[in-house]
Amino acid sequence: MRRFAIILTSVLLSAAGFTAAAQEYVPTPVTVSSEKVKLNGKVYLSHVVLERQTLYGIAAAYGVKVDDIYEANPSLRETGLRKNAIILIPITEEAAPVKQSTTQGKYTEHTVKWYEDIDDIARKYNVTVADIMQFNGLTSKKLSTRQVIRIPLPDTPLVPQEEPKVEEVPAAEETVEQEAPVEEQKDTVSALEFVTPYASPKEIVDLSLVLPIHASGRVSELNMDFYSGVLMAMKDFEKEGVKVNLNVYDLMAGITPIDALTGSDMVLGPVASRDIEAILQRVEGKVPVISPLDQKASALAANYSNFIQAPTPADSQYNDLALWVKEDCTNADRIILITEKGGSSASAAIAIRSALAREELTYDILNYAIVEGTGIPSRLSELMTKDGMNRVIAASESEAFIDDVVRNLGIMQGKGYPIAMYAPSKVRTFDTIEPAAYHNVNLHISTSYFVDYSDHKVDSFVRSYRSLFNAEPSQFAFQGYDTARYFVDICRRYGTPHWPSFLEIERGRGLHTDFLFDADQARNHQNKAVRRIIYEKDYTTSLTK
């Protein structure tokens, strides 16, 4: 099925085509959407374009001008409306009635929506945040969804409110209790009781999503897939009664306001290491920054604090691969490490050898170049056994070399040598190797990501995603959903600023990835969770961990 990515641009029918078919053309009715998106501080409705809908019909249905839609979707003038694309519709609201307070003057009431913060509301009514806080007697900028606040009219003088009177409560009579003997007080407080006083559940979680969406130009399909997954998580939270303020910032639209980021409970994104580092430099450890996709971004932990690496680094995958070999191995088995002579995967080979050393595994090594060709099976026969399993670790991320290893192992199987192959997760992305070849050599992989489509939760997600976006979810959509679900839930249950401290005890099981964190002294967290998958002989792929 053709993959569909949510995009912020669309296509209009050409004037010539419209004229030629004017007698037969019947525009498709427009159903007004209630789905809201907050982008760079502004709130829009997201509209899915159906076949034979016109820009004029959409504008009329939403009660906005065509120019307003063009302004919200800058590239629309060039590309026009496309079927199944999503365009942004500016939100128009009727003016709220003006009311009069006997002590403070004229005001209007505003009901806070889930996507608004006090800065948004102040900009909308052209007043200052201080005006709103003073007029409502607020001591914090935090607002709750559906909270009704008073907005002073710009020409209304503000009258300072009196401090509320606090009724004094008489102190309770002191009672003296005899202290228990020291030996009776030992072990009376559990480790959990030391932790829970720091937990303070939040009513509303503020999530800032920073992605290179490139709304005004060529939209990134993969980033929009990730964004779509986050939106799916928000929809589920809404069904569960969990309140989340989602603020979306397009990295390509300019520099994200520093106050907006540091005022959040967490920042999810950007994607690339260099962009994540730029955000880390700006927030200076004042808010947790979560790396959602780039495995190599884990290196940033050495120089910054409050950094969370969601994708499991390659070293953790290699460590688990070595542990897996150790767990599977019997006395009759042989372990063989295959590396490429003069290849481009030296770093992977070194990391895997280090992982094997940590597990104190004894193995034989075969180092060869592809050009050595037909001589490899004879060299393998000197290392292998027919009395046990030959556990072969291919320490390479080179597609051509892995293809050659798989071919040679297939030859050895034909000669009666039992084989189980172990390899880095990158081999799953190689297009030139037939999946059947992986099944034939019983491939084992420790990986960050794997979707088990037999899981009923995965099936439910896929069905909902298809219904909403008319497309199949990619791995980026699954990752967007899993990361948003996990981190928002931890923050909601434990509160700011302490929620990152609980990542080490809260293992998360997602649709696509798992979460299990280690922390360093700088409050940085790295995900160590992996999924183990096996390419079975019956041509199924099973998840074993």
Protein backbone atom coordinates (compact mmCIF):
# COMPACT_ATOMS: atom_id res chain seq x y z
CA MET A 1 0.00 0.00 0.00
CA ARG A 2 1.24 3.49 -0.80
CA ARG A 3 2.42 5.15 2.38
CA PHE A 4 0.73 8.37 3.31
CA ALA A 5 2.48 11.06 5.31
CA ILE A 6 0.66 13.89 6.95
CA ILE A 7 1.73 17.04 5.23
CA LEU A 8 0.91 20.65 5.73
CA THR A 9 0.64 21.49 2.03
CA SER A 10 -1.92 20.48 -0.55
CA VAL A 11 -2.92 20.95 -4.17
CA LEU A 12 -5.64 22.98 -5.88
CA LEU A 13 -7.32 21.76 -9.08
CA SER A 14 -5.88 23.55 -12.09
CA ALA A 15 -8.01 26.24 -13.66
CA ALA A 16 -7.92 24.54 -17.05
CA GLY A 17 -8.99 21.17 -15.64
CA PHE A 18 -11.76 22.75 -13.67
CA THR A 19 -13.12 24.63 -16.70
CA ALA A 20 -13.12 21.54 -18.91
CA ALA A 21 -15.07 19.53 -16.37
CA ALA A 22 -17.30 22.32 -15.07
CA GLN A 23 -20.48 20.69 -16.29
CA GLU A 24 -19.77 17.40 -14.44
CA TYR A 25 -17.89 18.57 -11.38
CA VAL A 26 -19.71 18.31 -8.05
CA PRO A 27 -17.63 19.42 -5.05
CA THR A 28 -17.43 17.03 -2.13
CA PRO A 29 -19.14 18.43 1.01
CA VAL A 30 -16.77 19.66 3.71
CA THR A 31 -17.10 18.33 7.24
CA VAL A 32 -15.60 20.72 9.76
CA SER A 33 -12.84 19.08 11.79
CA SER A 34 -12.49 19.41 15.55
CA GLU A 35 -8.87 18.20 15.61
CA LYS A 36 -6.61 21.02 16.84
CA VAL A 37 -2.90 21.44 16.22
CA LYS A 38 -0.62 23.93 17.94
CA LEU A 39 2.30 25.00 15.75
CA ASN A 40 4.83 27.66 16.75
CA GLY A 41 2.47 29.07 19.36
CA LYS A 42 -0.58 29.31 17.06
CA VAL A 43 -3.58 26.99 17.12
CA TYR A 44 -5.18 25.57 13.98
CA LEU A 45 -7.76 23.01 12.98
CA SER A 46 -6.33 20.21 10.85
CA HIS A 47 -8.44 19.34 7.80
CA VAL A 48 -8.01 16.20 5.70
CA VAL A 49 -8.61 17.06 2.05
CA LEU A 50 -11.04 14.74 0.28
CA GLU A 51 -11.29 14.15 -3.42
CA ARG A 52 -13.06 16.96 -5.34
CA GLN A 53 -12.97 19.41 -2.44
CA THR A 54 -12.09 22.99 -3.34
CA LEU A 55 -10.18 25.59 -1.41
CA TYR A 56 -13.15 27.93 -1.61
CA GLY A 57 -15.51 25.28 -0.27
CA ILE A 58 -13.19 24.50 2.62
CA ALA A 59 -12.80 28.19 3.49
CA ALA A 60 -16.59 28.69 3.43
CA ALA A 61 -17.21 25.67 5.65
CA TYR A 62 -14.76 26.89 8.30
CA GLY A 63 -15.82 30.53 8.04
CA VAL A 64 -12.39 31.82 7.08
CA LYS A 65 -10.95 33.57 4.06
CA VAL A 66 -9.01 31.76 1.35
CA ASP A 67 -6.08 34.10 2.03
CA ASP A 68 -6.13 32.99 5.67
CA ILE A 69 -5.63 29.38 4.57
CA TYR A 70 -2.85 30.42 2.21
CA GLU A 71 -1.14 32.26 5.06
CA ALA A 72 -1.35 29.19 7.30
CA ASN A 73 -0.03 26.94 4.52
CA PRO A 74 2.64 29.01 2.70
CA SER A 75 3.43 26.50 -0.05
CA LEU A 76 -0.22 25.98 -0.98
CA ARG A 77 -0.09 28.59 -3.75
CA GLU A 78 2.53 26.55 -5.56
CA THR A 79 1.30 23.01 -4.99
CA GLY A 80 -2.48 23.28 -4.55
CA LEU A 81 -4.81 20.74 -2.88
CA ARG A 82 -3.96 17.05 -2.85
CA LYS A 83 -6.29 14.27 -1.86
CA ASN A 84 -5.65 12.95 1.69
CA ALA A 85 -3.31 15.83 2.53
CA ILE A 86 -3.80 17.76 5.75
CA ILE A 87 -3.97 21.55 5.71
CA LEU A 88 -4.09 23.97 8.61
CA ILE A 89 -7.21 26.05 9.12
CA PRO A 90 -6.94 29.18 11.31
CA ILE A 91 -9.35 29.12 14.22
CA THR A 92 -11.90 31.90 14.35
CA GLU A 93 -13.88 32.51 17.49
CA GLU A 94 -16.80 34.77 18.22
CA ALA A 95 -16.07 37.62 20.58
CA ALA A 96 -16.95 36.80 24.16
CA PRO A 97 -19.48 39.09 25.86
CA VAL A 98 -18.13 41.99 27.88
CA LYS A 99 -18.93 41.92 31.58
CA GLN A 100 -18.56 44.49 34.34
CA SER A 101 -16.99 43.99 37.74
CA THR A 102 -17.94 46.44 40.48
CA THR A 103 -14.38 46.48 41.77
CA GLN A 104 -12.20 45.89 38.72
CA GLY A 105 -13.99 47.28 35.67
CA LYS A 106 -14.86 45.69 32.36
CA TYR A 107 -13.66 42.20 31.45
CA THR A 108 -14.48 39.21 29.29
CA GLU A 109 -14.38 35.57 30.32
CA HIS A 110 -12.25 32.96 28.61
CA THR A 111 -12.47 29.19 29.03
CA VAL A 112 -8.99 27.67 28.86
CA LYS A 113 -8.58 25.02 26.17
CA TRP A 114 -6.21 22.05 26.41
CA TYR A 115 -3.76 23.49 23.91
CA GLU A 116 -3.49 26.97 25.48
CA ASP A 117 -1.17 28.46 28.03
CA ILE A 118 -1.39 31.89 29.64
CA ASP A 119 1.02 33.41 27.12
CA ASP A 120 -1.22 32.30 24.23
CA ILE A 121 -4.27 33.83 25.90
CA ALA A 122 -2.47 37.09 26.63
CA ARG A 123 -1.42 37.41 22.98
CA LYS A 124 -4.94 36.63 21.80
CA TYR A 125 -6.52 39.42 23.85
CA ASN A 126 -3.63 41.87 23.51
CA VAL A 127 -3.00 42.09 27.22
CA THR A 128 0.00 41.13 29.32
CA VAL A 129 0.41 37.96 31.33
CA ALA A 130 0.82 40.13 34.42
CA ASP A 131 -2.56 41.78 33.71
CA ILE A 132 -4.31 38.39 33.59
CA MET A 133 -2.56 37.10 36.70
CA GLN A 134 -3.31 40.26 38.70
CA PHE A 135 -6.94 40.46 37.52
CA ASN A 136 -7.55 36.82 38.54
CA GLY A 137 -5.41 36.78 41.66
CA LEU A 138 -3.17 34.08 40.17
CA THR A 139 0.14 33.24 41.82
CA SER A 140 1.25 30.82 39.08
CA LYS A 141 1.21 30.85 35.28
CA LYS A 142 -0.18 27.31 35.21
CA LEU A 143 -3.76 27.01 34.03
CA SER A 144 -6.12 24.03 33.88
CA THR A 145 -8.18 22.91 30.92
CA ARG A 146 -11.75 24.33 31.07
CA GLN A 147 -10.68 26.83 33.76
CA VAL A 148 -12.63 30.09 33.36
CA ILE A 149 -10.50 33.22 33.74
CA ARG A 150 -11.31 36.92 33.44
CA ILE A 151 -9.57 38.97 30.77
CA PRO A 152 -9.39 42.71 31.53
CA LEU A 153 -10.13 44.95 28.58
CA PRO A 154 -7.01 46.85 27.44
CA ASP A 155 -8.37 50.22 28.57
CA THR A 156 -9.47 48.96 31.99
CA PRO A 157 -7.35 50.17 34.91
CA LEU A 158 -6.33 47.32 37.15
CA VAL A 159 -7.15 47.59 40.82
CA PRO A 160 -4.78 45.65 43.04
CA GLN A 161 -6.63 42.94 44.91
CA GLU A 162 -6.37 42.64 48.64
CA GLU A 163 -4.45 39.73 49.99
CA PRO A 164 -6.90 36.99 50.97
CA LYS A 165 -7.35 36.65 54.69
CA VAL A 166 -6.02 33.45 56.13
CA GLU A 167 -7.84 32.13 59.13
CA GLU A 168 -5.43 31.23 61.85
CA VAL A 169 -5.75 27.72 63.15
CA PRO A 170 -4.81 27.23 66.79
CA ALA A 171 -1.87 24.95 67.27
CA ALA A 172 -2.66 21.49 68.50
CA GLU A 173 -1.63 20.58 72.00
CA GLU A 174 1.78 19.05 72.06
CA THR A 175 1.95 15.45 73.08
CA VAL A 176 5.07 13.68 74.14
CA GLU A 177 5.60 10.17 72.88
CA GLN A 178 8.21 7.87 74.27
CA GLU A 179 10.90 7.13 71.70
CA ALA A 180 11.19 3.52 70.67
CA PRO A 181 14.45 1.77 71.45
CA VAL A 182 16.98 2.11 68.67
CA GLU A 183 17.02 -1.60 67.92
CA GLU A 184 13.23 -1.59 67.36
CA GLN A 185 13.46 1.27 64.80
CA LYS A 186 15.74 -0.55 62.39
CA ASP A 187 14.40 -1.46 58.93
CA THR A 188 11.09 0.29 59.56
CA VAL A 189 11.33 2.46 56.41
CA SER A 190 11.53 0.77 53.00
CA ALA A 191 13.49 2.10 50.05
CA LEU A 192 10.22 2.99 48.33
CA GLU A 193 9.23 5.22 51.24
CA PHE A 194 12.42 7.21 50.78
CA VAL A 195 11.45 7.86 47.16
CA THR A 196 7.73 8.55 47.24
CA PRO A 197 7.86 11.89 49.15
CA TYR A 198 9.40 13.39 46.00
CA ALA A 199 6.53 12.22 43.81
CA SER A 200 3.90 14.88 43.16
CA PRO A 201 1.42 13.86 40.44
CA LYS A 202 0.65 16.52 37.84
CA GLU A 203 -2.83 17.41 36.64
CA ILE A 204 -1.53 18.71 33.30
CA VAL A 205 1.70 17.77 31.50
CA ASP A 206 3.34 20.39 29.27
CA LEU A 207 5.08 18.72 26.33
CA SER A 208 7.13 20.66 23.78
CA LEU A 209 7.65 18.79 20.51
CA VAL A 210 10.50 20.16 18.36
CA LEU A 211 10.77 18.67 14.86
CA PRO A 212 12.14 19.78 11.47
CA ILE A 213 8.67 19.68 9.93
CA HIS A 214 9.49 22.29 7.27
CA ALA A 215 5.87 23.42 7.02
CA SER A 216 6.68 26.21 4.56
CA GLY A 217 8.60 24.00 2.13
CA ARG A 218 9.19 20.37 1.38
CA VAL A 219 7.75 18.46 4.29
CA SER A 220 9.79 15.65 5.86
CA GLU A 221 7.72 12.49 5.55
CA LEU A 222 9.56 10.62 8.31
CA ASN A 223 9.28 13.50 10.77
CA MET A 224 5.59 13.85 10.02
CA ASP A 225 5.14 10.13 10.62
CA PHE A 226 6.73 10.60 14.04
CA TYR A 227 4.46 13.60 14.65
CA SER A 228 1.44 11.51 13.63
CA GLY A 229 2.40 8.91 16.24
CA VAL A 230 2.59 11.61 18.92
CA LEU A 231 -0.89 12.81 17.90
CA MET A 232 -2.18 9.24 18.28
CA ALA A 233 -0.80 9.21 21.83
CA MET A 234 -2.53 12.53 22.56
CA LYS A 235 -5.84 11.11 21.35
CA ASP A 236 -5.46 8.12 23.68
CA PHE A 237 -4.56 10.37 26.61
CA GLU A 238 -7.69 12.41 25.93
CA LYS A 239 -9.83 9.26 26.03
CA GLU A 240 -8.22 8.31 29.35
CA GLY A 241 -8.82 11.74 30.87
CA VAL A 242 -5.11 12.61 30.96
CA LYS A 243 -4.50 16.30 30.27
CA VAL A 244 -1.56 17.23 28.06
CA ASN A 245 -0.60 20.62 26.66
CA LEU A 246 1.17 19.78 23.39
CA ASN A 247 3.22 22.62 21.89
CA VAL A 248 4.69 21.88 18.44
CA TYR A 249 7.65 23.89 17.15
CA ASP A 250 8.88 23.64 13.57
CA LEU A 251 12.66 23.70 13.72
CA MET A 252 12.76 24.97 10.14
CA ALA A 253 10.60 27.99 10.96
CA GLY A 254 13.20 29.67 13.14
CA ILE A 255 14.57 29.63 16.67
CA THR A 256 12.18 28.25 19.27
CA PRO A 257 11.59 30.72 22.16
CA ILE A 258 13.76 29.70 25.08
CA ASP A 259 11.05 30.53 27.63
CA ALA A 260 8.62 28.24 25.85
CA LEU A 261 11.04 25.34 26.15
CA THR A 262 12.19 25.87 29.72
CA GLY A 263 8.58 26.39 30.81
CA SER A 264 7.70 22.87 29.66
CA ASP A 265 7.91 19.66 31.64
CA MET A 266 9.96 18.10 28.84
CA VAL A 267 11.25 18.74 25.32
CA LEU A 268 10.83 15.85 22.86
CA GLY A 269 13.15 16.24 19.87
CA PRO A 270 14.69 17.35 17.60
CA VAL A 271 15.84 14.34 15.57
CA ALA A 272 19.47 14.86 14.50
CA SER A 273 22.32 15.05 17.04
CA ARG A 274 23.45 18.51 15.92
CA ASP A 275 19.95 19.94 16.40
CA ILE A 276 19.54 18.26 19.78
CA GLU A 277 22.85 19.74 20.89
CA ALA A 278 21.69 23.21 19.87
CA ILE A 279 18.61 22.82 22.09
CA LEU A 280 20.69 21.46 24.98
CA GLN A 281 22.98 24.49 24.77
CA ARG A 282 20.02 26.86 24.93
CA VAL A 283 18.09 25.27 27.81
CA GLU A 284 21.25 24.75 29.93
CA GLY A 285 19.86 21.77 31.81
CA LYS A 286 16.72 23.60 32.97
CA VAL A 287 14.36 21.11 31.33
CA PRO A 288 14.79 17.43 30.30
CA VAL A 289 15.54 17.08 26.58
CA ILE A 290 14.63 13.72 25.03
CA SER A 291 16.42 12.39 21.96
CA PRO A 292 13.71 10.37 20.17
CA LEU A 293 15.37 8.72 17.15
CA ASP A 294 19.13 9.19 16.70
CA GLN A 295 21.08 6.38 18.37
CA LYS A 296 24.35 8.28 17.97
CA ALA A 297 23.03 11.19 20.03
CA SER A 298 23.93 9.24 23.19
CA ALA A 299 27.41 10.84 22.98
CA LEU A 300 25.88 14.18 24.01
CA ALA A 301 25.52 12.94 27.58
CA ALA A 302 29.22 13.60 28.13
CA ASN A 303 28.80 17.38 27.87
CA TYR A 304 25.24 18.19 28.93
CA SER A 305 22.88 17.53 31.83
CA ASN A 306 19.22 16.58 31.90
CA PHE A 307 19.56 14.71 28.60
CA ILE A 308 17.52 11.54 27.93
CA GLN A 309 18.49 9.12 25.16
CA ALA A 310 15.33 7.22 24.18
CA PRO A 311 16.78 4.99 21.40
CA THR A 312 18.98 2.24 22.82
CA PRO A 313 22.63 2.91 21.83
CA ALA A 314 24.43 0.38 19.65
CA ASP A 315 26.78 -0.65 22.48
CA SER A 316 23.83 -1.77 24.60
CA GLN A 317 22.56 -3.86 21.70
CA TYR A 318 26.00 -5.46 21.27
CA ASN A 319 26.20 -6.16 25.01
CA ASP A 320 22.85 -7.91 24.94
CA LEU A 321 23.85 -9.90 21.84
CA ALA A 322 26.91 -11.23 23.69
CA LEU A 323 24.80 -12.05 26.75
CA TRP A 324 22.31 -13.86 24.51
CA VAL A 325 25.06 -16.04 23.03
CA LYS A 326 26.25 -16.86 26.54
CA GLU A 327 22.73 -17.80 27.70
CA ASP A 328 22.15 -20.04 24.66
CA CYS A 329 25.54 -21.74 24.58
CA THR A 330 26.10 -25.33 25.81
CA ASN A 331 29.33 -27.25 26.29
CA ALA A 332 28.94 -28.89 22.88
CA ASP A 333 28.53 -25.58 21.04
CA ARG A 334 31.15 -23.54 19.23
CA ILE A 335 31.30 -19.72 19.11
CA ILE A 336 32.77 -18.20 15.95
CA LEU A 337 33.29 -14.48 15.42
CA ILE A 338 33.46 -13.38 11.78
CA THR A 339 34.95 -9.97 10.96
CA GLU A 340 35.75 -8.24 7.68
CA LYS A 341 39.38 -7.74 6.76
CA GLY A 342 39.97 -4.06 5.98
CA GLY A 343 36.25 -3.35 6.08
CA SER A 344 34.32 -0.24 7.08
CA SER A 345 32.77 -1.79 10.21
CA ALA A 346 35.86 -1.83 12.42
CA SER A 347 34.11 0.09 15.22
CA ALA A 348 31.24 -2.43 15.33
CA ALA A 349 33.71 -5.33 15.39
CA ILE A 350 35.66 -3.76 18.27
CA ALA A 351 32.48 -3.10 20.26
CA ILE A 352 31.22 -6.66 19.79
CA ARG A 353 34.59 -8.13 20.79
CA SER A 354 34.53 -5.98 23.93
CA ALA A 355 31.03 -7.24 24.73
CA LEU A 356 32.16 -10.87 24.30
CA ALA A 357 35.13 -10.21 26.61
CA ARG A 358 32.84 -8.81 29.31
CA GLU A 359 30.86 -12.04 29.21
CA GLU A 360 34.15 -14.01 29.37
CA LEU A 361 33.24 -16.00 26.27
CA THR A 362 35.79 -18.13 24.44
CA TYR A 363 35.52 -18.03 20.67
CA ASP A 364 37.35 -18.62 17.41
CA ILE A 365 37.73 -15.74 14.98
CA LEU A 366 37.58 -15.75 11.20
CA ASN A 367 38.76 -12.55 9.55
CA TYR A 368 38.47 -12.43 5.79
CA ALA A 369 37.77 -10.20 2.80
CA ILE A 370 35.00 -10.80 0.28
CA VAL A 371 37.56 -11.19 -2.51
CA GLU A 372 38.85 -14.37 -0.84
CA GLY A 373 35.71 -16.01 -2.23
CA THR A 374 35.47 -19.79 -2.45
CA GLY A 375 38.06 -20.58 0.21
CA ILE A 376 35.89 -19.53 3.15
CA PRO A 377 33.78 -22.72 3.56
CA SER A 378 36.90 -24.84 4.00
CA ARG A 379 38.18 -22.45 6.68
CA LEU A 380 34.81 -22.56 8.44
CA SER A 381 34.84 -26.36 8.45
CA GLU A 382 38.04 -26.23 10.53
CA LEU A 383 36.25 -24.16 13.19
CA MET A 384 32.78 -25.72 13.26
CA THR A 385 31.32 -28.82 14.91
CA LYS A 386 28.53 -31.20 13.93
CA ASP A 387 27.98 -32.35 17.52
CA GLY A 388 26.58 -29.04 18.79
CA MET A 389 25.33 -25.66 17.58
CA ASN A 390 27.73 -23.34 15.76
CA ARG A 391 26.89 -19.88 17.10
CA VAL A 392 28.26 -17.51 14.49
CA ILE A 393 28.53 -13.79 15.29
CA ALA A 394 28.85 -11.58 12.20
CA ALA A 395 30.52 -8.43 13.54
CA SER A 396 29.83 -6.17 10.59
CA GLU A 397 27.32 -3.60 9.37
CA SER A 398 28.41 -3.88 5.74
CA GLU A 399 25.59 -5.12 3.51
CA ALA A 400 27.91 -6.75 0.98
CA PHE A 401 29.91 -8.54 3.68
CA ILE A 402 26.83 -9.77 5.57
CA ASP A 403 25.46 -11.07 2.28
CA ASP A 404 28.66 -13.05 1.76
CA VAL A 405 28.59 -14.40 5.34
CA VAL A 406 24.99 -15.56 4.94
CA ARG A 407 25.86 -17.26 1.65
CA ASN A 408 28.80 -19.13 3.20
CA LEU A 409 26.79 -20.18 6.22
CA GLY A 410 24.13 -21.55 3.88
CA ILE A 411 26.81 -23.68 2.25
CA MET A 412 27.92 -24.97 5.65
CA GLN A 413 24.37 -25.87 6.60
CA GLY A 414 24.13 -27.90 3.42
CA LYS A 415 27.17 -29.84 4.65
CA GLY A 416 25.39 -30.76 7.88
CA TYR A 417 26.67 -28.09 10.29
CA PRO A 418 23.95 -26.73 12.66
CA ILE A 419 24.10 -22.92 12.62
CA ALA A 420 22.61 -20.02 14.56
CA MET A 421 23.73 -16.62 13.33
CA TYR A 422 23.90 -13.47 15.51
CA ALA A 423 24.27 -10.01 13.97
CA PRO A 424 23.79 -6.24 14.59
CA SER A 425 20.27 -4.89 14.14
CA LYS A 426 21.25 -2.88 11.08
CA VAL A 427 21.16 -6.05 8.96
CA ARG A 428 17.36 -5.91 9.08
CA THR A 429 17.48 -2.86 6.79
CA PHE A 430 19.50 -4.52 4.01
CA ASP A 431 17.43 -4.69 0.83
CA THR A 432 19.68 -6.91 -1.28
CA ILE A 433 19.50 -9.90 1.07
CA GLU A 434 16.41 -12.08 0.79
CA PRO A 435 14.59 -12.57 4.12
CA ALA A 436 14.48 -16.30 3.41
CA ALA A 437 18.29 -16.36 3.71
CA TYR A 438 18.04 -14.96 7.25
CA HIS A 439 15.52 -17.64 8.19
CA ASN A 440 17.75 -20.36 6.76
CA VAL A 441 20.66 -19.38 9.04
CA ASN A 442 18.37 -18.87 12.08
CA LEU A 443 19.35 -15.19 12.49
CA HIS A 444 19.28 -13.73 16.03
CA ILE A 445 19.18 -9.95 16.52
CA SER A 446 19.18 -7.70 19.59
CA THR A 447 17.49 -4.50 18.48
CA SER A 448 15.95 -1.29 19.76
CA TYR A 449 12.82 -1.63 17.65
CA PHE A 450 10.50 -4.41 16.64
CA VAL A 451 6.74 -4.46 16.08
CA ASP A 452 4.92 -7.67 16.93
CA TYR A 453 1.87 -7.50 14.68
CA SER A 454 0.28 -10.45 16.48
CA ASP A 455 -0.10 -8.25 19.59
CA HIS A 456 -3.71 -7.05 19.93
CA LYS A 457 -2.51 -3.61 21.08
CA VAL A 458 -0.48 -3.23 17.90
CA ASP A 459 -3.46 -4.32 15.83
CA SER A 460 -5.66 -1.74 17.54
CA PHE A 461 -3.10 1.01 16.91
CA VAL A 462 -2.75 0.08 13.23
CA ARG A 463 -6.50 0.12 12.72
CA SER A 464 -6.87 3.51 14.40
CA TYR A 465 -3.95 4.93 12.42
CA ARG A 466 -5.41 3.71 9.13
CA SER A 467 -8.78 5.20 10.02
CA LEU A 468 -7.34 8.58 10.91
CA PHE A 469 -4.60 8.98 8.29
CA ASN A 470 -5.61 6.55 5.54
CA ALA A 471 -2.11 5.04 5.65
CA GLU A 472 0.07 2.35 7.21
CA PRO A 473 2.10 3.46 10.27
CA SER A 474 5.86 3.41 9.71
CA GLN A 475 8.38 2.63 12.45
CA PHE A 476 8.64 6.40 13.02
CA ALA A 477 4.92 6.60 13.77
CA PHE A 478 5.25 3.76 16.29
CA GLN A 479 8.26 5.49 17.88
CA GLY A 480 6.41 8.78 18.16
CA TYR A 481 3.53 7.03 19.90
CA ASP A 482 5.70 5.00 22.29
CA THR A 483 7.96 7.86 23.40
CA ALA A 484 5.08 10.28 23.99
CA ARG A 485 3.08 7.67 25.90
CA TYR A 486 5.95 6.61 28.14
CA PHE A 487 7.43 9.98 29.10
CA VAL A 488 4.13 11.84 29.54
CA ASP A 489 2.84 9.05 31.77
CA ILE A 490 5.96 9.11 33.98
CA CYS A 491 5.76 12.90 34.28
CA ARG A 492 2.05 12.77 35.05
CA ARG A 493 2.52 10.24 37.86
CA TYR A 494 5.63 11.68 39.49
CA GLY A 495 5.57 15.38 38.65
CA THR A 496 8.11 18.06 37.84
CA PRO A 497 11.04 18.33 38.42
CA HIS A 498 11.54 14.84 39.89
CA TRP A 499 9.99 12.63 37.19
CA PRO A 500 13.31 11.80 35.42
CA SER A 501 14.56 10.24 38.67
CA PHE A 502 11.92 7.55 38.33
CA LEU A 503 12.98 6.40 34.87
CA GLU A 504 15.37 3.92 36.48
CA ILE A 505 12.55 2.05 38.24
CA GLU A 506 9.79 2.38 35.65
CA ARG A 507 10.28 -0.10 32.84
CA GLY A 508 8.08 0.73 29.85
CA ARG A 509 6.71 -1.71 27.28
CA GLY A 510 5.70 0.00 24.05
CA LEU A 511 4.29 -1.18 20.75
CA HIS A 512 7.60 -0.70 19.01
CA THR A 513 10.26 -0.23 21.67
CA ASP A 514 10.90 -0.73 25.37
CA PHE A 515 12.33 1.59 28.02
CA LEU A 516 14.75 0.77 30.83
CA PHE A 517 17.10 3.57 31.87
CA ASP A 518 20.45 4.00 33.57
CA ALA A 519 21.48 7.39 34.95
CA ASP A 520 24.78 9.21 35.44
CA GLN A 521 25.77 11.91 37.92
CA ALA A 522 24.75 14.69 35.52
CA ARG A 523 21.11 13.46 35.54
CA ASN A 524 21.48 12.05 32.03
CA HIS A 525 19.56 8.88 31.21
CA GLN A 526 20.29 6.25 28.56
CA ASN A 527 17.86 3.57 27.48
CA LYS A 528 19.28 0.05 27.86
CA ALA A 529 16.21 -1.95 26.85
CA VAL A 530 16.39 -4.24 23.82
CA ARG A 531 14.12 -6.65 22.00
CA ARG A 532 15.40 -10.04 20.90
CA ILE A 533 14.05 -11.43 17.65
CA ILE A 534 14.71 -14.71 15.84
CA TYR A 535 14.22 -15.52 12.18
CA GLU A 536 12.75 -19.00 12.62
CA LYS A 537 13.17 -21.93 10.24
CA ASP A 538 9.42 -21.90 9.51
CA TYR A 539 9.84 -18.37 8.06
CA THR A 540 8.22 -16.63 10.99
CA THR A 541 9.93 -13.93 13.05
CA SER A 542 9.45 -14.32 16.79
CA LEU A 543 9.94 -11.88 19.64
CA THR A 544 11.61 -13.68 22.55
CA LYS A 545 12.26 -10.72 24.88
